[in-house]
PDB file of N, CA and C in Angstrom:
ATOM      1  N   MET A   1      93.637  72.118 101.470  1.00  0.00           N
ATOM      2  CA  MET A   1      92.837  73.283 101.136  1.00  0.00           C
ATOM      3  C   MET A   1      93.647  74.216 100.240  1.00  0.00           C
ATOM      4  N   ARG A   2      93.074  74.637  99.157  1.00  0.00           N
ATOM      5  CA  ARG A   2      93.753  75.564  98.256  1.00  0.00           C
ATOM      6  C   ARG A   2      93.695  76.970  98.817  1.00  0.00           C
ATOM      7  N   SER A   3      94.766  77.687  98.616  1.00  0.00           N
ATOM      8  CA  SER A   3      94.780  79.087  99.035  1.00  0.00           C
ATOM      9  C   SER A   3      94.064  79.933  97.981  1.00  0.00           C
ATOM     10  N   GLU A   4      93.718  81.127  98.367  1.00  0.00           N
ATOM     11  CA  GLU A   4      93.088  82.056  97.425  1.00  0.00           C
ATOM     12  C   GLU A   4      94.043  82.369  96.277  1.00  0.00           C
ATOM     13  N   LEU A   5      95.320  82.395  96.555  1.00  0.00           N
ATOM     14  CA  LEU A   5      96.314  82.677  95.522  1.00  0.00           C
ATOM     15  C   LEU A   5      96.281  81.611  94.431  1.00  0.00           C
ATOM     16  N   ALA A   6      96.057  80.365  94.822  1.00  0.00           N
ATOM     17  CA  ALA A   6      96.010  79.275  93.847  1.00  0.00           C
ATOM     18  C   ALA A   6      94.803  79.380  92.921  1.00  0.00           C
ATOM     19  N   LYS A   7      93.777  80.085  93.351  1.00  0.00           N
ATOM     20  CA  LYS A   7      92.567  80.222  92.539  1.00  0.00           C
ATOM     21  C   LYS A   7      92.710  81.259  91.429  1.00  0.00           C
ATOM     22  N   LEU A   8      93.709  82.106  91.521  1.00  0.00           N
ATOM     23  CA  LEU A   8      93.896  83.136  90.501  1.00  0.00           C
ATOM     24  C   LEU A   8      94.342  82.506  89.191  1.00  0.00           C
ATOM     25  N   ARG A   9      93.991  83.167  88.106  1.00  0.00           N
ATOM     26  CA  ARG A   9      94.421  82.678  86.803  1.00  0.00           C
ATOM     27  C   ARG A   9      95.943  82.708  86.725  1.00  0.00           C
ATOM     28  N   ARG A  10      96.517  81.660  86.246  1.00  0.00           N
ATOM     29  CA  ARG A  10      97.978  81.547  86.176  1.00  0.00           C
ATOM     30  C   ARG A  10      98.594  82.542  85.200  1.00  0.00           C
ATOM     31  N   ALA A  11      97.816  83.027  84.246  1.00  0.00           N
ATOM     32  CA  ALA A  11      98.357  83.959  83.259  1.00  0.00           C
ATOM     33  C   ALA A  11      98.466  85.382  83.805  1.00  0.00           C
ATOM     34  N   GLN A  12      97.818  85.660  84.941  1.00  0.00           N
ATOM     35  CA  GLN A  12      97.868  87.005  85.494  1.00  0.00           C
ATOM     36  C   GLN A  12      99.283  87.331  85.980  1.00  0.00           C
ATOM     37  N   ARG A  13      99.669  88.585  85.822  1.00  0.00           N
ATOM     38  CA  ARG A  13     100.959  89.076  86.303  1.00  0.00           C
ATOM     39  C   ARG A  13     100.679  90.071  87.415  1.00  0.00           C
ATOM     40  N   PHE A  14     101.548  90.102  88.396  1.00  0.00           N
ATOM     41  CA  PHE A  14     101.352  90.963  89.548  1.00  0.00           C
ATOM     42  C   PHE A  14     102.569  91.838  89.776  1.00  0.00           C
ATOM     43  N   ASP A  15     102.315  93.106  90.070  1.00  0.00           N
ATOM     44  CA  ASP A  15     103.402  94.009  90.438  1.00  0.00           C
ATOM     45  C   ASP A  15     103.771  93.829  91.903  1.00  0.00           C
ATOM     46  N   LEU A  16     102.768  93.568  92.742  1.00  0.00           N
ATOM     47  CA  LEU A  16     102.988  93.483  94.186  1.00  0.00           C
ATOM     48  C   LEU A  16     102.063  92.459  94.801  1.00  0.00           C
ATOM     49  N   ILE A  17     102.623  91.636  95.671  1.00  0.00           N
ATOM     50  CA  ILE A  17     101.830  90.748  96.520  1.00  0.00           C
ATOM     51  C   ILE A  17     102.197  91.071  97.956  1.00  0.00           C
ATOM     52  N   VAL A  18     101.173  91.242  98.794  1.00  0.00           N
ATOM     53  CA  VAL A  18     101.366  91.545 100.214  1.00  0.00           C
ATOM     54  C   VAL A  18     101.093  90.278 101.008  1.00  0.00           C
ATOM     55  N   LEU A  19     102.057  89.877 101.825  1.00  0.00           N
ATOM     56  CA  LEU A  19     101.919  88.701 102.682  1.00  0.00           C
ATOM     57  C   LEU A  19     101.841  89.135 104.133  1.00  0.00           C
ATOM     58  N   ASP A  20     100.935  88.547 104.877  1.00  0.00           N
ATOM     59  CA  ASP A  20     100.850  88.742 106.321  1.00  0.00           C
ATOM     60  C   ASP A  20     100.452  87.392 106.924  1.00  0.00           C
ATOM     61  N   PRO A  21     101.386  86.436 106.899  1.00  0.00           N
ATOM     62  CA  PRO A  21     101.053  85.076 107.335  1.00  0.00           C
ATOM     63  C   PRO A  21     100.981  84.960 108.859  1.00  0.00           C
ATOM     64  N   PRO A  22     100.478  83.821 109.349  1.00  0.00           N
ATOM     65  CA  PRO A  22     100.484  83.584 110.789  1.00  0.00           C
ATOM     66  C   PRO A  22     101.918  83.381 111.281  1.00  0.00           C
ATOM     67  N   ARG A  23     102.078  83.209 112.563  1.00  0.00           N
ATOM     68  CA  ARG A  23     103.398  83.049 113.180  1.00  0.00           C
ATOM     69  C   ARG A  23     104.214  81.923 112.529  1.00  0.00           C
ATOM     70  N   SER A  24     103.545  80.933 111.981  1.00  0.00           N
ATOM     71  CA  SER A  24     104.243  79.804 111.351  1.00  0.00           C
ATOM     72  C   SER A  24     104.859  80.157 109.999  1.00  0.00           C
ATOM     73  N   GLY A  25     104.569  81.339 109.472  1.00  0.00           N
ATOM     74  CA  GLY A  25     105.180  81.787 108.225  1.00  0.00           C
ATOM     75  C   GLY A  25     104.394  81.388 106.990  1.00  0.00           C
ATOM     76  N   ALA A  26     105.046  81.556 105.850  1.00  0.00           N
ATOM     77  CA  ALA A  26     104.381  81.350 104.555  1.00  0.00           C
ATOM     78  C   ALA A  26     104.977  80.193 103.768  1.00  0.00           C
ATOM     79  N   ARG A  27     105.652  79.275 104.438  1.00  0.00           N
ATOM     80  CA  ARG A  27     106.342  78.178 103.747  1.00  0.00           C
ATOM     81  C   ARG A  27     105.439  77.452 102.752  1.00  0.00           C
ATOM     82  N   ASP A  28     104.219  77.122 103.155  1.00  0.00           N
ATOM     83  CA  ASP A  28     103.326  76.353 102.282  1.00  0.00           C
ATOM     84  C   ASP A  28     102.799  77.171 101.104  1.00  0.00           C
ATOM     85  N   LEU A  29     102.799  78.469 101.229  1.00  0.00           N
ATOM     86  CA  LEU A  29     102.277  79.358 100.191  1.00  0.00           C
ATOM     87  C   LEU A  29     103.348  79.774  99.177  1.00  0.00           C
ATOM     88  N   LEU A  30     104.611  79.655  99.543  1.00  0.00           N
ATOM     89  CA  LEU A  30     105.684  80.175  98.689  1.00  0.00           C
ATOM     90  C   LEU A  30     105.698  79.590  97.277  1.00  0.00           C
ATOM     91  N   PRO A  31     105.475  78.286  97.072  1.00  0.00           N
ATOM     92  CA  PRO A  31     105.474  77.793  95.682  1.00  0.00           C
ATOM     93  C   PRO A  31     104.428  78.486  94.802  1.00  0.00           C
ATOM     94  N   GLU A  32     103.225  78.710  95.341  1.00  0.00           N
ATOM     95  CA  GLU A  32     102.183  79.389  94.575  1.00  0.00           C
ATOM     96  C   GLU A  32     102.549  80.849  94.337  1.00  0.00           C
ATOM     97  N   LEU A  33     103.107  81.486  95.352  1.00  0.00           N
ATOM     98  CA  LEU A  33     103.523  82.881  95.213  1.00  0.00           C
ATOM     99  C   LEU A  33     104.617  83.000  94.155  1.00  0.00           C
ATOM    100  N   LEU A  34     105.588  82.126  94.187  1.00  0.00           N
ATOM    101  CA  LEU A  34     106.673  82.176  93.206  1.00  0.00           C
ATOM    102  C   LEU A  34     106.165  81.917  91.792  1.00  0.00           C
ATOM    103  N   HIS A  35     105.140  81.099  91.672  1.00  0.00           N
ATOM    104  CA  HIS A  35     104.559  80.830  90.358  1.00  0.00           C
ATOM    105  C   HIS A  35     103.924  82.096  89.777  1.00  0.00           C
ATOM    106  N   CYS A  36     103.394  82.953  90.643  1.00  0.00           N
ATOM    107  CA  CYS A  36     102.802  84.230  90.196  1.00  0.00           C
ATOM    108  C   CYS A  36     103.878  85.233  89.790  1.00  0.00           C
ATOM    109  N   ALA A  37     105.099  85.053  90.267  1.00  0.00           N
ATOM    110  CA  ALA A  37     106.254  85.875  89.918  1.00  0.00           C
ATOM    111  C   ALA A  37     106.005  87.377  90.040  1.00  0.00           C
ATOM    112  N   PRO A  38     105.561  87.849  91.219  1.00  0.00           N
ATOM    113  CA  PRO A  38     105.353  89.300  91.351  1.00  0.00           C
ATOM    114  C   PRO A  38     106.684  90.047  91.279  1.00  0.00           C
ATOM    115  N   SER A  39     106.632  91.288  90.827  1.00  0.00           N
ATOM    116  CA  SER A  39     107.836  92.120  90.786  1.00  0.00           C
ATOM    117  C   SER A  39     108.306  92.474  92.188  1.00  0.00           C
ATOM    118  N   HIS A  40     107.340  92.658  93.100  1.00  0.00           N
ATOM    119  CA  HIS A  40     107.659  93.055  94.473  1.00  0.00           C
ATOM    120  C   HIS A  40     106.828  92.237  95.447  1.00  0.00           C
ATOM    121  N   ILE A  41     107.392  92.025  96.626  1.00  0.00           N
ATOM    122  CA  ILE A  41     106.686  91.350  97.712  1.00  0.00           C
ATOM    123  C   ILE A  41     106.864  92.192  98.965  1.00  0.00           C
ATOM    124  N   ALA A  42     105.761  92.498  99.626  1.00  0.00           N
ATOM    125  CA  ALA A  42     105.786  93.144 100.940  1.00  0.00           C
ATOM    126  C   ALA A  42     105.375  92.074 101.936  1.00  0.00           C
ATOM    127  N   TYR A  43     106.282  91.708 102.822  1.00  0.00           N
ATOM    128  CA  TYR A  43     106.066  90.598 103.747  1.00  0.00           C
ATOM    129  C   TYR A  43     106.048  91.158 105.161  1.00  0.00           C
ATOM    130  N   CYS A  44     104.898  91.081 105.816  1.00  0.00           N
ATOM    131  CA  CYS A  44     104.736  91.528 107.195  1.00  0.00           C
ATOM    132  C   CYS A  44     104.807  90.289 108.079  1.00  0.00           C
ATOM    133  N   ALA A  45     105.679  90.300 109.079  1.00  0.00           N
ATOM    134  CA  ALA A  45     105.881  89.119 109.905  1.00  0.00           C
ATOM    135  C   ALA A  45     105.915  89.465 111.391  1.00  0.00           C
ATOM    136  N   CYS A  46     105.403  88.543 112.183  1.00  0.00           N
ATOM    137  CA  CYS A  46     105.444  88.722 113.637  1.00  0.00           C
ATOM    138  C   CYS A  46     106.464  87.793 114.288  1.00  0.00           C
ATOM    139  N   ASP A  47     107.069  86.900 113.521  1.00  0.00           N
ATOM    140  CA  ASP A  47     108.071  85.978 114.060  1.00  0.00           C
ATOM    141  C   ASP A  47     109.352  86.086 113.237  1.00  0.00           C
ATOM    142  N   PRO A  48     110.438  86.566 113.839  1.00  0.00           N
ATOM    143  CA  PRO A  48     111.668  86.760 113.068  1.00  0.00           C
ATOM    144  C   PRO A  48     112.293  85.463 112.559  1.00  0.00           C
ATOM    145  N   VAL A  49     112.069  84.354 113.234  1.00  0.00           N
ATOM    146  CA  VAL A  49     112.659  83.085 112.802  1.00  0.00           C
ATOM    147  C   VAL A  49     111.995  82.597 111.517  1.00  0.00           C
ATOM    148  N   THR A  50     110.675  82.596 111.468  1.00  0.00           N
ATOM    149  CA  THR A  50     110.013  82.145 110.244  1.00  0.00           C
ATOM    150  C   THR A  50     110.196  83.165 109.119  1.00  0.00           C
ATOM    151  N   LEU A  51     110.289  84.432 109.463  1.00  0.00           N
ATOM    152  CA  LEU A  51     110.586  85.442 108.442  1.00  0.00           C
ATOM    153  C   LEU A  51     111.937  85.153 107.798  1.00  0.00           C
ATOM    154  N   ALA A  52     112.952  84.893 108.613  1.00  0.00           N
ATOM    155  CA  ALA A  52     114.294  84.606 108.079  1.00  0.00           C
ATOM    156  C   ALA A  52     114.265  83.374 107.183  1.00  0.00           C
ATOM    157  N   ARG A  53     113.550  82.337 107.603  1.00  0.00           N
ATOM    158  CA  ARG A  53     113.450  81.116 106.793  1.00  0.00           C
ATOM    159  C   ARG A  53     112.809  81.423 105.443  1.00  0.00           C
ATOM    160  N   ASP A  54     111.681  82.171 105.453  1.00  0.00           N
ATOM    161  CA  ASP A  54     110.977  82.470 104.209  1.00  0.00           C
ATOM    162  C   ASP A  54     111.758  83.441 103.326  1.00  0.00           C
ATOM    163  N   LEU A  55     112.447  84.399 103.941  1.00  0.00           N
ATOM    164  CA  LEU A  55     113.277  85.321 103.151  1.00  0.00           C
ATOM    165  C   LEU A  55     114.397  84.562 102.444  1.00  0.00           C
ATOM    166  N   ARG A  56     114.994  83.586 103.124  1.00  0.00           N
ATOM    167  CA  ARG A  56     116.057  82.782 102.493  1.00  0.00           C
ATOM    168  C   ARG A  56     115.502  82.076 101.265  1.00  0.00           C
ATOM    169  N   ALA A  57     114.317  81.499 101.394  1.00  0.00           N
ATOM    170  CA  ALA A  57     113.703  80.788 100.266  1.00  0.00           C
ATOM    171  C   ALA A  57     113.411  81.745  99.108  1.00  0.00           C
ATOM    172  N   LEU A  58     112.902  82.926  99.416  1.00  0.00           N
ATOM    173  CA  LEU A  58     112.597  83.908  98.363  1.00  0.00           C
ATOM    174  C   LEU A  58     113.877  84.427  97.709  1.00  0.00           C
ATOM    175  N   CYS A  59     114.895  84.689  98.494  1.00  0.00           N
ATOM    176  CA  CYS A  59     116.170  85.164  97.927  1.00  0.00           C
ATOM    177  C   CYS A  59     116.825  84.084  97.075  1.00  0.00           C
ATOM    178  N   ASP A  60     116.685  82.830  97.475  1.00  0.00           N
ATOM    179  CA  ASP A  60     117.220  81.727  96.668  1.00  0.00           C
ATOM    180  C   ASP A  60     116.531  81.639  95.311  1.00  0.00           C
ATOM    181  N   GLU A  61     115.323  82.189  95.202  1.00  0.00           N
ATOM    182  CA  GLU A  61     114.561  82.167  93.947  1.00  0.00           C
ATOM    183  C   GLU A  61     114.703  83.457  93.144  1.00  0.00           C
ATOM    184  N   GLY A  62     115.636  84.316  93.535  1.00  0.00           N
ATOM    185  CA  GLY A  62     115.924  85.490  92.724  1.00  0.00           C
ATOM    186  C   GLY A  62     115.446  86.820  93.272  1.00  0.00           C
ATOM    187  N   TYR A  63     114.754  86.816  94.401  1.00  0.00           N
ATOM    188  CA  TYR A  63     114.325  88.082  94.997  1.00  0.00           C
ATOM    189  C   TYR A  63     115.455  88.665  95.822  1.00  0.00           C
ATOM    190  N   ALA A  64     115.485  89.982  95.908  1.00  0.00           N
ATOM    191  CA  ALA A  64     116.494  90.675  96.707  1.00  0.00           C
ATOM    192  C   ALA A  64     115.786  91.459  97.807  1.00  0.00           C
ATOM    193  N   LEU A  65     116.292  91.342  99.011  1.00  0.00           N
ATOM    194  CA  LEU A  65     115.743  92.100 100.129  1.00  0.00           C
ATOM    195  C   LEU A  65     116.178  93.550  99.972  1.00  0.00           C
ATOM    196  N   GLN A  66     115.210  94.449  99.787  1.00  0.00           N
ATOM    197  CA  GLN A  66     115.500  95.859  99.572  1.00  0.00           C
ATOM    198  C   GLN A  66     115.475  96.661 100.869  1.00  0.00           C
ATOM    199  N   GLU A  67     114.550  96.297 101.750  1.00  0.00           N
ATOM    200  CA  GLU A  67     114.396  97.056 102.991  1.00  0.00           C
ATOM    201  C   GLU A  67     113.761  96.169 104.048  1.00  0.00           C
ATOM    202  N   LEU A  68     114.173  96.381 105.298  1.00  0.00           N
ATOM    203  CA  LEU A  68     113.629  95.643 106.429  1.00  0.00           C
ATOM    204  C   LEU A  68     113.397  96.647 107.556  1.00  0.00           C
ATOM    205  N   THR A  69     112.146  96.738 108.030  1.00  0.00           N
ATOM    206  CA  THR A  69     111.801  97.704 109.063  1.00  0.00           C
ATOM    207  C   THR A  69     111.066  96.987 110.184  1.00  0.00           C
ATOM    208  N   ALA A  70     111.479  97.237 111.419  1.00  0.00           N
ATOM    209  CA  ALA A  70     110.805  96.656 112.593  1.00  0.00           C
ATOM    210  C   ALA A  70     109.911  97.713 113.223  1.00  0.00           C
ATOM    211  N   PHE A  71     108.743  97.274 113.672  1.00  0.00           N
ATOM    212  CA  PHE A  71     107.769  98.158 114.305  1.00  0.00           C
ATOM    213  C   PHE A  71     107.443  97.623 115.696  1.00  0.00           C
ATOM    214  N   ASP A  72     107.597  98.472 116.712  1.00  0.00           N
ATOM    215  CA  ASP A  72     107.270  98.095 118.078  1.00  0.00           C
ATOM    216  C   ASP A  72     105.791  98.363 118.303  1.00  0.00           C
ATOM    217  N   MET A  73     104.970  97.396 117.910  1.00  0.00           N
ATOM    218  CA  MET A  73     103.521  97.550 118.002  1.00  0.00           C
ATOM    219  C   MET A  73     102.985  97.219 119.398  1.00  0.00           C
ATOM    220  N   PHE A  74     103.808  96.579 120.191  1.00  0.00           N
ATOM    221  CA  PHE A  74     103.388  96.122 121.516  1.00  0.00           C
ATOM    222  C   PHE A  74     104.419  96.562 122.549  1.00  0.00           C
ATOM    223  N   PRO A  75     104.414  97.843 122.900  1.00  0.00           N
ATOM    224  CA  PRO A  75     105.424  98.373 123.819  1.00  0.00           C
ATOM    225  C   PRO A  75     105.497  97.566 125.124  1.00  0.00           C
ATOM    226  N   GLN A  76     106.691  97.489 125.640  1.00  0.00           N
ATOM    227  CA  GLN A  76     107.011  96.813 126.897  1.00  0.00           C
ATOM    228  C   GLN A  76     106.784  95.305 126.829  1.00  0.00           C
ATOM    229  N   THR A  77     106.838  94.749 125.606  1.00  0.00           N
ATOM    230  CA  THR A  77     106.825  93.295 125.422  1.00  0.00           C
ATOM    231  C   THR A  77     107.967  92.959 124.466  1.00  0.00           C
ATOM    232  N   HIS A  78     108.221  91.684 124.283  1.00  0.00           N
ATOM    233  CA  HIS A  78     109.266  91.268 123.338  1.00  0.00           C
ATOM    234  C   HIS A  78     108.724  91.121 121.917  1.00  0.00           C
ATOM    235  N   HIS A  79     107.440  91.385 121.702  1.00  0.00           N
ATOM    236  CA  HIS A  79     106.822  91.239 120.384  1.00  0.00           C
ATOM    237  C   HIS A  79     107.045  92.481 119.524  1.00  0.00           C
ATOM    238  N   PHE A  80     107.295  92.245 118.235  1.00  0.00           N
ATOM    239  CA  PHE A  80     107.397  93.329 117.269  1.00  0.00           C
ATOM    240  C   PHE A  80     106.985  92.794 115.902  1.00  0.00           C
ATOM    241  N   GLU A  81     106.605  93.685 115.026  1.00  0.00           N
ATOM    242  CA  GLU A  81     106.257  93.340 113.650  1.00  0.00           C
ATOM    243  C   GLU A  81     107.396  93.779 112.749  1.00  0.00           C
ATOM    244  N   THR A  82     107.602  93.059 111.687  1.00  0.00           N
ATOM    245  CA  THR A  82     108.653  93.389 110.731  1.00  0.00           C
ATOM    246  C   THR A  82     108.055  93.448 109.329  1.00  0.00           C
ATOM    247  N   LEU A  83     108.458  94.459 108.584  1.00  0.00           N
ATOM    248  CA  LEU A  83     108.043  94.568 107.193  1.00  0.00           C
ATOM    249  C   LEU A  83     109.279  94.429 106.321  1.00  0.00           C
ATOM    250  N   ALA A  84     109.252  93.423 105.463  1.00  0.00           N
ATOM    251  CA  ALA A  84     110.347  93.184 104.522  1.00  0.00           C
ATOM    252  C   ALA A  84     109.848  93.511 103.120  1.00  0.00           C
ATOM    253  N   TRP A  85     110.637  94.280 102.381  1.00  0.00           N
ATOM    254  CA  TRP A  85     110.309  94.635 101.001  1.00  0.00           C
ATOM    255  C   TRP A  85     111.307  93.930 100.101  1.00  0.00           C
ATOM    256  N   LEU A  86     110.783  93.086  99.210  1.00  0.00           N
ATOM    257  CA  LEU A  86     111.633  92.351  98.284  1.00  0.00           C
ATOM    258  C   LEU A  86     111.294  92.727  96.849  1.00  0.00           C
ATOM    259  N   SER A  87     112.300  92.674  95.989  1.00  0.00           N
ATOM    260  CA  SER A  87     112.108  92.956  94.563  1.00  0.00           C
ATOM    261  C   SER A  87     112.827  91.906  93.750  1.00  0.00           C
ATOM    262  N   ARG A  88     112.289  91.671  92.576  1.00  0.00           N
ATOM    263  CA  ARG A  88     112.932  90.765  91.623  1.00  0.00           C
ATOM    264  C   ARG A  88     113.438  91.606  90.466  1.00  0.00           C
ATOM    265  N   PRO A  89     114.689  91.426  90.093  1.00  0.00           N
ATOM    266  CA  PRO A  89     115.202  92.204  88.956  1.00  0.00           C
ATOM    267  C   PRO A  89     114.380  91.939  87.694  1.00  0.00           C
ATOM    268  N   GLU A  90     114.203  92.985  86.896  1.00  0.00           N
ATOM    269  CA  GLU A  90     113.465  92.854  85.634  1.00  0.00           C
ATOM    270  C   GLU A  90     114.268  91.968  84.691  1.00  0.00           C
ATOM    271  N   PRO A  91     113.597  91.059  83.989  1.00  0.00           N
ATOM    272  CA  PRO A  91     114.310  90.209  83.023  1.00  0.00           C
ATOM    273  C   PRO A  91     114.890  91.049  81.892  1.00  0.00           C
ATOM    274  N   GLN A  92     116.070  90.707  81.472  1.00  0.00           N
ATOM    275  CA  GLN A  92     116.728  91.413  80.386  1.00  0.00           C
ATOM    276  C   GLN A  92     116.272  90.822  79.052  1.00  0.00           C
ATOM    277  N   PRO A  93     115.958  91.697  78.057  1.00  0.00           N
ATOM    278  CA  PRO A  93     115.501  91.188  76.741  1.00  0.00           C
ATOM    279  C   PRO A  93     116.591  90.494  75.984  1.00  0.00           C
TER     280      PRO A  93
END
């Protein structure tokens, strides 16, 4: 099944893409996301292990983790949400 991201015109450029994948992460979506080459990515995650895996893949492709914030959305449980902000350096002319 194609993702909605794959349906977008390849010539479009994006300043920001917001990801909020399921607990399994965004591994299958990352190639399409990288093809869009957004300047910034806001990645909301509920599983720190898959977040770490996907962040490694994004950083290996030139993105830099700018900020990481955890939110205790479910008090008195071990669950939390994390928001990661990534940026790609502007290409030099």
